[in-house]
Amino acid sequence: MPAVEHPLDQDDVLQAFLALDTPPGFKAELVEGEIAVTPPPDGAHETAFSLLARQFYRKAAIDLDLSPNKGLITPKGRYIPDGTVSPVEHFIDADSWAPATGVLLVFEVTSTNPHKDRGPKRHGYAAAGIPCYLLVDRGDRKVVLFTSPEGEDYTVHTQVEFGKPVDLPAPFSFTLDTAPLR
């Protein structure tokens, strides 16, 4: 008698995801019903992260917190952006997985599989109502700022090649220097 497969429902997938024990440094995300486990980032990825972090701390018009690898609950899954920018002490009492409500901006620096950053994660961040999504696309050598979320996508996209500046809207109100990304 052939084996009968029983597809997992969304609750089963979520419970399996939450029970994962990933190796140190690896991160697991639930993106549109699919579990993705990624290894620690390479040096160029971390250098791009540091460039962004320094500029947010030094140039933003407001005080803010920047959380590396904060687990966010979105309508499309459970994501861990490379950087989550929020008001000061926004996550002070939060669990490891927190609602995305109140987050000001998230950013991703692409790795070896940029598909999820370019599409599914962008849609999840928009569906969560996160006002800004900044994508550092190392494969295409460009920075894309997505703003004005509506439904499951952003209605405004500003794209620049590495080396060109990109203006970040209020409350950040500064010009992001992408020259060091070249």
N, C-alpha and C. Protein backbone atom coordinates (compact mmCIF):
# COMPACT_ATOMS: atom_id res chain seq x y z
N MET A 1 0.85 -1.17 0.00
CA MET A 1 0.00 0.00 0.00
C MET A 1 0.90 1.24 0.00
N PRO A 2 0.66 2.17 -0.94
CA PRO A 2 1.50 3.37 -1.00
C PRO A 2 1.28 4.27 0.20
N ALA A 3 2.34 4.96 0.56
CA ALA A 3 2.24 5.90 1.68
C ALA A 3 1.35 7.07 1.28
N VAL A 4 0.56 7.51 2.22
CA VAL A 4 -0.32 8.65 1.99
C VAL A 4 0.32 9.86 2.66
N GLU A 5 0.55 10.89 1.86
CA GLU A 5 1.15 12.10 2.42
C GLU A 5 0.06 13.00 2.97
N HIS A 6 0.32 13.54 4.13
CA HIS A 6 -0.60 14.48 4.75
C HIS A 6 0.08 15.85 4.77
N PRO A 7 -0.41 16.76 3.94
CA PRO A 7 0.24 18.07 3.94
C PRO A 7 0.08 18.75 5.29
N LEU A 8 1.11 19.48 5.68
CA LEU A 8 1.07 20.22 6.93
C LEU A 8 0.22 21.47 6.75
N ASP A 9 -0.59 21.77 7.75
CA ASP A 9 -1.32 23.04 7.67
C ASP A 9 -0.42 24.14 8.23
N GLN A 10 -0.86 25.39 8.11
CA GLN A 10 -0.06 26.54 8.53
C GLN A 10 0.33 26.47 10.00
N ASP A 11 -0.57 26.01 10.86
CA ASP A 11 -0.25 25.91 12.29
C ASP A 11 0.85 24.88 12.53
N ASP A 12 0.80 23.75 11.80
CA ASP A 12 1.84 22.73 11.93
C ASP A 12 3.20 23.28 11.50
N VAL A 13 3.21 24.01 10.39
CA VAL A 13 4.46 24.59 9.89
C VAL A 13 5.00 25.60 10.90
N LEU A 14 4.11 26.44 11.44
CA LEU A 14 4.54 27.42 12.43
C LEU A 14 5.12 26.74 13.66
N GLN A 15 4.47 25.70 14.15
CA GLN A 15 4.96 25.00 15.34
C GLN A 15 6.30 24.32 15.06
N ALA A 16 6.45 23.73 13.88
CA ALA A 16 7.73 23.12 13.51
C ALA A 16 8.82 24.19 13.43
N PHE A 17 8.47 25.32 12.86
CA PHE A 17 9.42 26.43 12.76
C PHE A 17 9.85 26.91 14.14
N LEU A 18 8.89 27.14 15.02
CA LEU A 18 9.21 27.65 16.36
C LEU A 18 10.02 26.65 17.18
N ALA A 19 9.94 25.36 16.83
CA ALA A 19 10.68 24.33 17.56
C ALA A 19 12.10 24.11 17.02
N LEU A 20 12.44 24.77 15.92
CA LEU A 20 13.78 24.58 15.34
C LEU A 20 14.87 24.97 16.32
N ASP A 21 15.95 24.22 16.27
CA ASP A 21 17.14 24.53 17.06
C ASP A 21 18.27 24.72 16.06
N THR A 22 18.46 25.95 15.60
CA THR A 22 19.47 26.21 14.58
C THR A 22 20.86 26.30 15.21
N PRO A 23 21.88 25.95 14.45
CA PRO A 23 23.24 26.06 14.96
C PRO A 23 23.59 27.52 15.26
N PRO A 24 24.54 27.76 16.15
CA PRO A 24 24.93 29.14 16.48
C PRO A 24 25.30 29.92 15.22
N GLY A 25 24.79 31.14 15.15
CA GLY A 25 25.09 32.02 14.02
C GLY A 25 24.13 31.89 12.85
N PHE A 26 23.44 30.78 12.74
CA PHE A 26 22.48 30.58 11.67
C PHE A 26 21.16 31.25 12.07
N LYS A 27 20.38 31.64 11.07
CA LYS A 27 19.06 32.18 11.39
C LYS A 27 18.01 31.45 10.57
N ALA A 28 16.86 31.26 11.20
CA ALA A 28 15.74 30.60 10.53
C ALA A 28 14.60 31.60 10.42
N GLU A 29 13.97 31.63 9.24
CA GLU A 29 12.83 32.50 9.00
C GLU A 29 11.71 31.68 8.39
N LEU A 30 10.50 32.15 8.58
CA LEU A 30 9.32 31.54 7.97
C LEU A 30 8.80 32.55 6.97
N VAL A 31 9.11 32.33 5.69
CA VAL A 31 8.78 33.28 4.63
C VAL A 31 7.71 32.67 3.73
N GLU A 32 6.51 33.21 3.82
CA GLU A 32 5.37 32.77 3.03
C GLU A 32 5.18 31.25 3.12
N GLY A 33 5.23 30.73 4.34
CA GLY A 33 4.96 29.31 4.58
C GLY A 33 6.15 28.39 4.36
N GLU A 34 7.30 28.93 4.00
CA GLU A 34 8.49 28.13 3.76
C GLU A 34 9.55 28.46 4.80
N ILE A 35 10.14 27.44 5.40
CA ILE A 35 11.20 27.65 6.39
C ILE A 35 12.52 27.80 5.64
N ALA A 36 13.23 28.88 5.93
CA ALA A 36 14.53 29.15 5.31
C ALA A 36 15.57 29.30 6.42
N VAL A 37 16.64 28.55 6.33
CA VAL A 37 17.74 28.63 7.29
C VAL A 37 18.97 29.13 6.54
N THR A 38 19.58 30.18 7.05
CA THR A 38 20.74 30.76 6.38
C THR A 38 21.95 30.77 7.31
N PRO A 39 23.14 30.59 6.72
CA PRO A 39 24.37 30.57 7.52
C PRO A 39 24.77 31.98 7.92
N PRO A 40 25.77 32.10 8.79
CA PRO A 40 26.27 33.43 9.16
C PRO A 40 26.71 34.19 7.91
N PRO A 41 26.56 35.52 7.90
CA PRO A 41 26.91 36.30 6.72
C PRO A 41 28.42 36.42 6.52
N ASP A 42 28.77 36.72 5.27
CA ASP A 42 30.19 36.91 4.95
C ASP A 42 30.65 38.32 5.34
N GLY A 43 31.93 38.57 5.19
CA GLY A 43 32.51 39.84 5.60
C GLY A 43 31.97 41.05 4.84
N ALA A 44 31.74 40.91 3.54
CA ALA A 44 31.21 42.03 2.75
C ALA A 44 29.80 42.38 3.21
N HIS A 45 29.02 41.37 3.56
CA HIS A 45 27.66 41.59 4.07
C HIS A 45 27.71 42.38 5.37
N GLU A 46 28.58 41.97 6.27
CA GLU A 46 28.69 42.63 7.57
C GLU A 46 29.25 44.05 7.44
N THR A 47 30.14 44.26 6.47
CA THR A 47 30.67 45.59 6.23
C THR A 47 29.56 46.52 5.73
N ALA A 48 28.70 46.01 4.84
CA ALA A 48 27.56 46.81 4.36
C ALA A 48 26.62 47.13 5.52
N PHE A 49 26.36 46.15 6.39
CA PHE A 49 25.53 46.39 7.56
C PHE A 49 26.12 47.51 8.42
N SER A 50 27.41 47.45 8.68
CA SER A 50 28.08 48.45 9.52
C SER A 50 28.01 49.84 8.90
N LEU A 51 28.17 49.92 7.59
CA LEU A 51 28.06 51.21 6.90
C LEU A 51 26.69 51.83 7.14
N LEU A 52 25.64 51.03 6.99
CA LEU A 52 24.29 51.54 7.21
C LEU A 52 24.08 51.93 8.67
N ALA A 53 24.50 51.08 9.58
CA ALA A 53 24.31 51.36 11.01
C ALA A 53 24.98 52.67 11.41
N ARG A 54 26.22 52.87 10.98
CA ARG A 54 26.93 54.11 11.33
C ARG A 54 26.17 55.33 10.83
N GLN A 55 25.66 55.26 9.60
CA GLN A 55 24.96 56.42 9.05
C GLN A 55 23.64 56.69 9.78
N PHE A 56 22.92 55.64 10.14
CA PHE A 56 21.67 55.86 10.88
C PHE A 56 21.96 56.51 12.22
N TYR A 57 22.97 56.03 12.92
CA TYR A 57 23.29 56.59 14.23
C TYR A 57 23.84 58.02 14.14
N ARG A 58 24.65 58.29 13.16
CA ARG A 58 25.31 59.60 13.06
C ARG A 58 24.47 60.67 12.38
N LYS A 59 23.64 60.29 11.40
CA LYS A 59 22.99 61.28 10.55
C LYS A 59 21.49 61.44 10.76
N ALA A 60 20.83 60.47 11.33
CA ALA A 60 19.37 60.55 11.46
C ALA A 60 18.96 61.76 12.29
N ALA A 61 17.85 62.35 11.91
CA ALA A 61 17.35 63.55 12.60
C ALA A 61 16.76 63.22 13.97
N ILE A 62 16.58 61.94 14.28
CA ILE A 62 16.01 61.52 15.57
C ILE A 62 16.92 60.48 16.20
N ASP A 63 16.81 60.31 17.51
CA ASP A 63 17.46 59.19 18.18
C ASP A 63 16.67 57.94 17.84
N LEU A 64 17.37 56.85 17.65
CA LEU A 64 16.70 55.61 17.27
C LEU A 64 17.49 54.42 17.77
N ASP A 65 16.86 53.27 17.70
CA ASP A 65 17.54 52.00 17.97
C ASP A 65 17.66 51.26 16.65
N LEU A 66 18.76 50.53 16.49
CA LEU A 66 18.96 49.69 15.32
C LEU A 66 19.24 48.29 15.84
N SER A 67 18.34 47.39 15.56
CA SER A 67 18.46 46.01 16.06
C SER A 67 18.91 45.10 14.93
N PRO A 68 20.07 44.46 15.10
CA PRO A 68 20.47 43.46 14.10
C PRO A 68 19.73 42.15 14.38
N ASN A 69 19.14 41.61 13.37
CA ASN A 69 18.52 40.28 13.48
C ASN A 69 17.36 40.19 14.47
N LYS A 70 16.49 41.20 14.52
CA LYS A 70 15.30 41.17 15.38
C LYS A 70 14.20 40.38 14.69
N GLY A 71 13.64 39.40 15.37
CA GLY A 71 12.55 38.61 14.82
C GLY A 71 11.26 39.42 14.77
N LEU A 72 10.67 39.54 13.58
CA LEU A 72 9.43 40.28 13.40
C LEU A 72 8.31 39.38 12.90
N ILE A 73 7.15 39.57 13.47
CA ILE A 73 5.96 38.84 13.03
C ILE A 73 5.24 39.73 12.01
N THR A 74 5.07 39.21 10.79
CA THR A 74 4.36 39.94 9.74
C THR A 74 3.18 39.08 9.28
N PRO A 75 2.25 39.66 8.54
CA PRO A 75 1.14 38.86 8.01
C PRO A 75 1.59 37.77 7.04
N LYS A 76 2.81 37.87 6.51
CA LYS A 76 3.30 36.92 5.52
C LYS A 76 4.31 35.93 6.10
N GLY A 77 4.63 36.05 7.40
CA GLY A 77 5.57 35.12 7.98
C GLY A 77 6.33 35.74 9.14
N ARG A 78 7.40 35.07 9.52
CA ARG A 78 8.27 35.53 10.61
C ARG A 78 9.64 35.77 10.00
N TYR A 79 10.00 37.05 9.97
CA TYR A 79 11.21 37.48 9.28
C TYR A 79 12.23 38.02 10.26
N ILE A 80 13.49 37.89 9.88
CA ILE A 80 14.58 38.47 10.65
C ILE A 80 15.36 39.38 9.71
N PRO A 81 15.00 40.67 9.67
CA PRO A 81 15.74 41.59 8.81
C PRO A 81 17.18 41.72 9.28
N ASP A 82 18.05 42.08 8.36
CA ASP A 82 19.43 42.34 8.77
C ASP A 82 19.48 43.51 9.74
N GLY A 83 18.62 44.50 9.53
CA GLY A 83 18.55 45.64 10.43
C GLY A 83 17.12 46.12 10.60
N THR A 84 16.73 46.38 11.83
CA THR A 84 15.40 46.91 12.15
C THR A 84 15.60 48.23 12.88
N VAL A 85 15.07 49.31 12.31
CA VAL A 85 15.22 50.64 12.89
C VAL A 85 13.89 51.00 13.54
N SER A 86 13.96 51.39 14.81
CA SER A 86 12.74 51.67 15.58
C SER A 86 12.99 52.83 16.54
N PRO A 87 11.92 53.35 17.14
CA PRO A 87 12.11 54.37 18.18
C PRO A 87 12.94 53.80 19.33
N VAL A 88 13.60 54.66 20.06
CA VAL A 88 14.42 54.23 21.20
C VAL A 88 13.59 53.40 22.18
N GLU A 89 14.14 52.27 22.58
CA GLU A 89 13.55 51.33 23.54
C GLU A 89 12.24 50.70 23.07
N HIS A 90 12.00 50.72 21.77
CA HIS A 90 10.77 50.16 21.22
C HIS A 90 10.61 48.67 21.58
N PHE A 91 11.71 47.93 21.57
CA PHE A 91 11.64 46.49 21.82
C PHE A 91 12.04 46.11 23.24
N ILE A 92 12.07 47.06 24.16
CA ILE A 92 12.62 46.80 25.49
C ILE A 92 11.93 45.63 26.21
N ASP A 93 10.64 45.47 26.05
CA ASP A 93 9.92 44.38 26.72
C ASP A 93 9.45 43.30 25.75
N ALA A 94 9.98 43.32 24.53
CA ALA A 94 9.52 42.39 23.48
C ALA A 94 10.13 41.01 23.64
N ASP A 95 9.38 40.01 23.19
CA ASP A 95 9.89 38.65 23.09
C ASP A 95 10.84 38.56 21.90
N SER A 96 11.42 37.39 21.66
CA SER A 96 12.33 37.24 20.52
C SER A 96 11.60 37.46 19.19
N TRP A 97 10.31 37.11 19.13
CA TRP A 97 9.46 37.41 17.97
C TRP A 97 8.49 38.49 18.39
N ALA A 98 8.57 39.65 17.74
CA ALA A 98 7.74 40.79 18.11
C ALA A 98 6.90 41.25 16.92
N PRO A 99 5.73 41.82 17.19
CA PRO A 99 4.95 42.42 16.10
C PRO A 99 5.75 43.54 15.44
N ALA A 100 5.51 43.74 14.15
CA ALA A 100 6.24 44.77 13.41
C ALA A 100 5.66 46.17 13.63
N THR A 101 4.59 46.27 14.36
CA THR A 101 3.95 47.56 14.63
C THR A 101 4.96 48.53 15.24
N GLY A 102 5.02 49.74 14.70
CA GLY A 102 5.90 50.77 15.24
C GLY A 102 7.30 50.78 14.67
N VAL A 103 7.67 49.75 13.90
CA VAL A 103 8.99 49.73 13.26
C VAL A 103 9.01 50.82 12.19
N LEU A 104 10.10 51.58 12.11
CA LEU A 104 10.21 52.69 11.17
C LEU A 104 10.79 52.28 9.83
N LEU A 105 11.75 51.35 9.86
CA LEU A 105 12.44 50.94 8.64
C LEU A 105 13.09 49.59 8.91
N VAL A 106 13.13 48.76 7.88
CA VAL A 106 13.94 47.54 7.93
C VAL A 106 14.87 47.58 6.73
N PHE A 107 16.02 46.94 6.88
CA PHE A 107 16.89 46.81 5.71
C PHE A 107 17.43 45.40 5.61
N GLU A 108 17.68 45.03 4.35
CA GLU A 108 18.27 43.74 4.02
C GLU A 108 19.48 43.99 3.14
N VAL A 109 20.53 43.22 3.37
CA VAL A 109 21.71 43.19 2.51
C VAL A 109 21.69 41.81 1.87
N THR A 110 21.59 41.75 0.54
CA THR A 110 21.42 40.46 -0.11
C THR A 110 22.62 39.56 0.11
N SER A 111 22.32 38.27 0.10
CA SER A 111 23.34 37.23 0.23
C SER A 111 23.35 36.41 -1.05
N THR A 112 23.67 35.15 -0.94
CA THR A 112 23.79 34.31 -2.13
C THR A 112 22.44 34.01 -2.79
N ASN A 113 21.34 34.10 -2.06
CA ASN A 113 20.02 33.86 -2.63
C ASN A 113 19.15 35.10 -2.39
N PRO A 114 19.26 36.11 -3.27
CA PRO A 114 18.57 37.38 -3.03
C PRO A 114 17.07 37.37 -3.34
N HIS A 115 16.55 36.29 -3.91
CA HIS A 115 15.14 36.25 -4.31
C HIS A 115 14.19 36.64 -3.18
N LYS A 116 14.39 36.07 -2.00
CA LYS A 116 13.47 36.35 -0.88
C LYS A 116 13.52 37.83 -0.47
N ASP A 117 14.70 38.43 -0.50
CA ASP A 117 14.82 39.85 -0.14
C ASP A 117 14.14 40.74 -1.16
N ARG A 118 14.25 40.40 -2.44
CA ARG A 118 13.71 41.22 -3.52
C ARG A 118 12.19 41.13 -3.62
N GLY A 119 11.60 40.01 -3.26
CA GLY A 119 10.17 39.82 -3.45
C GLY A 119 9.40 39.49 -2.19
N PRO A 120 9.43 38.23 -1.76
CA PRO A 120 8.58 37.82 -0.63
C PRO A 120 8.78 38.63 0.65
N LYS A 121 10.01 38.93 1.01
CA LYS A 121 10.22 39.70 2.25
C LYS A 121 9.73 41.14 2.08
N ARG A 122 9.96 41.72 0.91
CA ARG A 122 9.43 43.06 0.63
C ARG A 122 7.92 43.08 0.81
N HIS A 123 7.25 42.07 0.29
CA HIS A 123 5.78 42.00 0.41
C HIS A 123 5.35 41.83 1.86
N GLY A 124 6.10 41.05 2.63
CA GLY A 124 5.77 40.87 4.04
C GLY A 124 5.96 42.15 4.84
N TYR A 125 7.02 42.88 4.56
CA TYR A 125 7.25 44.14 5.26
C TYR A 125 6.17 45.16 4.92
N ALA A 126 5.78 45.20 3.64
CA ALA A 126 4.70 46.12 3.24
C ALA A 126 3.39 45.72 3.90
N ALA A 127 3.07 44.43 3.91
CA ALA A 127 1.83 43.96 4.52
C ALA A 127 1.79 44.28 6.01
N ALA A 128 2.96 44.35 6.64
CA ALA A 128 3.05 44.68 8.07
C ALA A 128 2.94 46.19 8.30
N GLY A 129 2.95 46.97 7.23
CA GLY A 129 2.83 48.42 7.36
C GLY A 129 4.12 49.12 7.75
N ILE A 130 5.27 48.47 7.55
CA ILE A 130 6.55 49.10 7.86
C ILE A 130 6.77 50.19 6.81
N PRO A 131 6.93 51.45 7.23
CA PRO A 131 6.96 52.57 6.28
C PRO A 131 8.08 52.53 5.24
N CYS A 132 9.25 52.00 5.61
CA CYS A 132 10.39 52.01 4.68
C CYS A 132 11.10 50.66 4.68
N TYR A 133 11.45 50.21 3.49
CA TYR A 133 12.26 49.01 3.32
C TYR A 133 13.44 49.39 2.44
N LEU A 134 14.65 49.22 2.97
CA LEU A 134 15.87 49.56 2.26
C LEU A 134 16.58 48.27 1.87
N LEU A 135 16.76 48.07 0.58
CA LEU A 135 17.40 46.86 0.07
C LEU A 135 18.76 47.21 -0.51
N VAL A 136 19.81 46.63 0.06
CA VAL A 136 21.16 46.74 -0.50
C VAL A 136 21.35 45.47 -1.33
N ASP A 137 21.22 45.62 -2.64
CA ASP A 137 21.26 44.48 -3.55
C ASP A 137 22.68 44.34 -4.10
N ARG A 138 23.44 43.48 -3.46
CA ARG A 138 24.85 43.31 -3.84
C ARG A 138 25.00 42.69 -5.22
N GLY A 139 24.06 41.82 -5.62
CA GLY A 139 24.14 41.20 -6.94
C GLY A 139 23.93 42.19 -8.06
N ASP A 140 22.96 43.08 -7.90
CA ASP A 140 22.66 44.09 -8.92
C ASP A 140 23.42 45.39 -8.70
N ARG A 141 24.20 45.46 -7.59
CA ARG A 141 25.01 46.64 -7.24
C ARG A 141 24.16 47.91 -7.20
N LYS A 142 23.04 47.82 -6.45
CA LYS A 142 22.16 48.98 -6.31
C LYS A 142 21.52 48.97 -4.93
N VAL A 143 21.03 50.14 -4.56
CA VAL A 143 20.27 50.30 -3.32
C VAL A 143 18.87 50.73 -3.74
N VAL A 144 17.87 50.07 -3.18
CA VAL A 144 16.49 50.41 -3.49
C VAL A 144 15.78 50.76 -2.19
N LEU A 145 15.16 51.94 -2.17
CA LEU A 145 14.36 52.37 -1.03
C LEU A 145 12.89 52.23 -1.43
N PHE A 146 12.17 51.41 -0.69
CA PHE A 146 10.73 51.20 -0.90
C PHE A 146 10.00 51.96 0.20
N THR A 147 9.02 52.78 -0.18
CA THR A 147 8.23 53.54 0.80
C THR A 147 6.76 53.50 0.42
N SER A 148 5.94 54.00 1.31
CA SER A 148 4.48 54.09 1.11
C SER A 148 3.86 52.71 0.90
N PRO A 149 3.86 51.88 1.97
CA PRO A 149 3.25 50.55 1.83
C PRO A 149 1.74 50.64 1.62
N GLU A 150 1.28 49.80 0.74
CA GLU A 150 -0.16 49.71 0.46
C GLU A 150 -0.45 48.25 0.15
N GLY A 151 -1.24 47.61 0.99
CA GLY A 151 -1.50 46.19 0.79
C GLY A 151 -0.23 45.40 1.01
N GLU A 152 0.15 44.61 0.00
CA GLU A 152 1.33 43.75 0.12
C GLU A 152 2.52 44.25 -0.70
N ASP A 153 2.56 45.55 -0.98
CA ASP A 153 3.72 46.08 -1.67
C ASP A 153 3.87 47.57 -1.35
N TYR A 154 4.96 48.11 -1.80
CA TYR A 154 5.24 49.53 -1.62
C TYR A 154 4.91 50.25 -2.92
N THR A 155 4.36 51.44 -2.81
CA THR A 155 3.96 52.17 -4.01
C THR A 155 5.04 53.09 -4.56
N VAL A 156 6.08 53.38 -3.76
CA VAL A 156 7.16 54.25 -4.21
C VAL A 156 8.48 53.48 -4.09
N HIS A 157 9.26 53.50 -5.18
CA HIS A 157 10.57 52.83 -5.22
C HIS A 157 11.59 53.84 -5.71
N THR A 158 12.66 54.02 -4.96
CA THR A 158 13.77 54.87 -5.39
C THR A 158 14.98 53.97 -5.50
N GLN A 159 15.56 53.92 -6.70
CA GLN A 159 16.69 53.02 -6.95
C GLN A 159 17.91 53.81 -7.38
N VAL A 160 19.06 53.50 -6.77
CA VAL A 160 20.31 54.13 -7.18
C VAL A 160 21.39 53.05 -7.28
N GLU A 161 22.35 53.30 -8.15
CA GLU A 161 23.50 52.41 -8.25
C GLU A 161 24.42 52.68 -7.06
N PHE A 162 25.21 51.67 -6.68
CA PHE A 162 26.21 51.88 -5.64
C PHE A 162 27.05 53.10 -6.02
N GLY A 163 27.27 53.97 -5.07
CA GLY A 163 28.04 55.18 -5.30
C GLY A 163 27.18 56.42 -5.38
N LYS A 164 25.90 56.25 -5.67
CA LYS A 164 24.98 57.39 -5.76
C LYS A 164 24.26 57.55 -4.42
N PRO A 165 23.95 58.79 -4.03
CA PRO A 165 23.25 59.01 -2.76
C PRO A 165 21.76 58.70 -2.89
N VAL A 166 21.14 58.38 -1.76
CA VAL A 166 19.68 58.19 -1.72
C VAL A 166 19.16 58.95 -0.50
N ASP A 167 18.14 59.76 -0.71
CA ASP A 167 17.55 60.55 0.37
C ASP A 167 16.55 59.70 1.15
N LEU A 168 16.74 59.66 2.47
CA LEU A 168 15.80 58.95 3.33
C LEU A 168 14.79 59.95 3.87
N PRO A 169 13.51 59.57 3.88
CA PRO A 169 12.45 60.49 4.31
C PRO A 169 12.45 60.69 5.83
N ALA A 170 11.63 61.62 6.29
CA ALA A 170 11.40 61.81 7.72
C ALA A 170 10.83 60.50 8.27
N PRO A 171 11.18 60.12 9.45
CA PRO A 171 11.86 60.90 10.47
C PRO A 171 13.39 60.84 10.40
N PHE A 172 13.95 60.15 9.40
CA PHE A 172 15.41 60.03 9.30
C PHE A 172 16.02 61.32 8.75
N SER A 173 15.48 61.76 7.62
CA SER A 173 15.83 63.04 7.01
C SER A 173 17.33 63.22 6.80
N PHE A 174 17.94 62.24 6.13
CA PHE A 174 19.35 62.39 5.76
C PHE A 174 19.59 61.68 4.43
N THR A 175 20.71 62.04 3.83
CA THR A 175 21.11 61.42 2.56
C THR A 175 22.07 60.28 2.86
N LEU A 176 21.69 59.09 2.45
CA LEU A 176 22.50 57.90 2.66
C LEU A 176 23.61 57.85 1.60
N ASP A 177 24.84 57.76 2.05
CA ASP A 177 26.00 57.67 1.17
C ASP A 177 26.22 56.20 0.83
N THR A 178 26.07 55.83 -0.43
CA THR A 178 26.28 54.44 -0.83
C THR A 178 27.65 54.21 -1.47
N ALA A 179 28.47 55.26 -1.58
CA ALA A 179 29.78 55.14 -2.22
C ALA A 179 30.63 54.02 -1.62
N PRO A 180 30.66 53.86 -0.30
CA PRO A 180 31.51 52.78 0.26
C PRO A 180 31.04 51.36 -0.11
N LEU A 181 29.85 51.23 -0.67
CA LEU A 181 29.36 49.90 -1.06
C LEU A 181 30.01 49.39 -2.34
N ARG A 182 30.63 50.29 -3.12
CA ARG A 182 31.21 49.90 -4.42
C ARG A 182 32.25 48.84 -4.31
